[in-house]
C-alpha atoms as a PDB file:
ATOM      1  CA  MET A   1     -31.913  29.048  -5.390  1.00  0.00           C
ATOM      2  CA  GLN A   2     -33.872  30.374  -8.542  1.00  0.00           C
ATOM      3  CA  LYS A   3     -30.399  30.161 -10.573  1.00  0.00           C
ATOM      4  CA  VAL A   4     -30.016  26.577  -9.678  1.00  0.00           C
ATOM      5  CA  ILE A   5     -33.357  25.642 -10.698  1.00  0.00           C
ATOM      6  CA  ASN A   6     -32.992  27.413 -13.880  1.00  0.00           C
ATOM      7  CA  TYR A   7     -29.814  25.602 -14.615  1.00  0.00           C
ATOM      8  CA  TYR A   8     -31.233  22.352 -13.953  1.00  0.00           C
ATOM      9  CA  HIS A   9     -34.153  23.008 -16.410  1.00  0.00           C
ATOM     10  CA  GLN A  10     -31.639  24.333 -19.147  1.00  0.00           C
ATOM     11  CA  GLU A  11     -29.515  21.170 -18.547  1.00  0.00           C
ATOM     12  CA  LEU A  12     -32.524  18.788 -18.879  1.00  0.00           C
ATOM     13  CA  THR A  13     -34.123  20.661 -21.796  1.00  0.00           C
ATOM     14  CA  LYS A  14     -30.817  20.577 -23.574  1.00  0.00           C
ATOM     15  CA  LEU A  15     -30.902  16.526 -23.823  1.00  0.00           C
ATOM     16  CA  ASP A  16     -33.845  17.184 -26.055  1.00  0.00           C
ATOM     17  CA  ILE A  17     -35.682  13.998 -24.764  1.00  0.00           C
ATOM     18  CA  PRO A  18     -38.890  13.363 -26.909  1.00  0.00           C
ATOM     19  CA  ARG A  19     -42.408  13.503 -25.136  1.00  0.00           C
ATOM     20  CA  LEU A  20     -40.719  15.094 -22.071  1.00  0.00           C
ATOM     21  CA  LYS A  21     -42.841  18.183 -21.101  1.00  0.00           C
ATOM     22  CA  GLU A  22     -42.357  21.076 -18.738  1.00  0.00           C
ATOM     23  CA  GLN A  23     -44.232  19.165 -15.737  1.00  0.00           C
ATOM     24  CA  HIS A  24     -41.873  16.291 -15.967  1.00  0.00           C
ATOM     25  CA  VAL A  25     -38.942  18.419 -15.987  1.00  0.00           C
ATOM     26  CA  HIS A  26     -40.290  20.030 -12.755  1.00  0.00           C
ATOM     27  CA  LYS A  27     -40.928  16.870 -11.105  1.00  0.00           C
ATOM     28  CA  LEU A  28     -37.274  15.553 -11.982  1.00  0.00           C
ATOM     29  CA  ILE A  29     -35.826  18.706 -10.564  1.00  0.00           C
ATOM     30  CA  ASP A  30     -37.803  18.327  -7.349  1.00  0.00           C
ATOM     31  CA  ALA A  31     -37.023  14.626  -6.904  1.00  0.00           C
ATOM     32  CA  GLN A  32     -33.527  14.606  -8.219  1.00  0.00           C
ATOM     33  CA  PRO A  33     -33.172  10.967  -9.189  1.00  0.00           C
ATOM     34  CA  LYS A  34     -30.026   9.082  -8.936  1.00  0.00           C
ATOM     35  CA  THR A  35     -30.366   6.233 -11.375  1.00  0.00           C
ATOM     36  CA  ALA A  36     -32.133   5.453 -14.501  1.00  0.00           C
ATOM     37  CA  ASP A  37     -34.493   3.212 -12.591  1.00  0.00           C
ATOM     38  CA  ASP A  38     -35.353   6.279 -10.275  1.00  0.00           C
ATOM     39  CA  VAL A  39     -36.123   8.289 -13.286  1.00  0.00           C
ATOM     40  CA  LYS A  40     -38.569   5.651 -14.664  1.00  0.00           C
ATOM     41  CA  LEU A  41     -40.165   5.385 -11.213  1.00  0.00           C
ATOM     42  CA  ILE A  42     -40.894   9.106 -11.030  1.00  0.00           C
ATOM     43  CA  LEU A  43     -42.332   9.253 -14.745  1.00  0.00           C
ATOM     44  CA  GLN A  44     -44.449   6.183 -14.298  1.00  0.00           C
ATOM     45  CA  GLY A  45     -47.109   8.568 -12.810  1.00  0.00           C
ATOM     46  CA  TYR A  46     -47.392  10.328 -16.068  1.00  0.00           C
ATOM     47  CA  ALA A  47     -48.637   9.027 -19.512  1.00  0.00           C
ATOM     48  CA  VAL A  48     -45.092   9.418 -20.968  1.00  0.00           C
ATOM     49  CA  THR A  49     -42.620   6.765 -22.294  1.00  0.00           C
ATOM     50  CA  VAL A  50     -38.987   7.314 -21.887  1.00  0.00           C
ATOM     51  CA  THR A  51     -36.212   5.017 -23.271  1.00  0.00           C
ATOM     52  CA  ASN A  52     -33.911   3.512 -20.848  1.00  0.00           C
ATOM     53  CA  GLU A  53     -30.975   5.406 -22.809  1.00  0.00           C
ATOM     54  CA  ASN A  54     -32.807   8.704 -22.234  1.00  0.00           C
ATOM     55  CA  CYS A  55     -33.344   7.960 -18.537  1.00  0.00           C
ATOM     56  CA  LYS A  56     -29.808   7.134 -17.998  1.00  0.00           C
ATOM     57  CA  LYS A  57     -28.916  10.451 -19.592  1.00  0.00           C
ATOM     58  CA  ILE A  58     -31.387  12.317 -17.239  1.00  0.00           C
ATOM     59  CA  ALA A  59     -29.983  10.622 -14.284  1.00  0.00           C
ATOM     60  CA  ASP A  60     -26.381  11.118 -15.248  1.00  0.00           C
ATOM     61  CA  THR A  61     -27.040  14.784 -16.011  1.00  0.00           C
ATOM     62  CA  ILE A  62     -28.697  15.474 -12.644  1.00  0.00           C
ATOM     63  CA  ALA A  63     -25.853  13.407 -10.770  1.00  0.00           C
ATOM     64  CA  GLU A  64     -23.301  15.736 -12.514  1.00  0.00           C
ATOM     65  CA  ILE A  65     -25.053  18.803 -11.457  1.00  0.00           C
ATOM     66  CA  VAL A  66     -25.400  17.616  -7.706  1.00  0.00           C
ATOM     67  CA  LYS A  67     -21.504  17.103  -7.617  1.00  0.00           C
END
C-alpha cells in the first residue's frame, strides 16, 4: 500500500503545481477526485488557489493511476 501512495505522491509532485503543498497532495491522495470540480471542492477548504487547467491535470493524473 505504501508503494501505491508513494507513486501517487510522485506523480502529483511531478505536475509542479504552484502553491500546492504536501498537505494538499496528501488530501488529494486520500480523496482521489475524479473531476476538476472535485479537485476544486477538496481544495476550497485550504487557503490555496489552483487554476482550472491545473485542477484538470490533477484529476487526469489521479484517474490515470486508478485505472
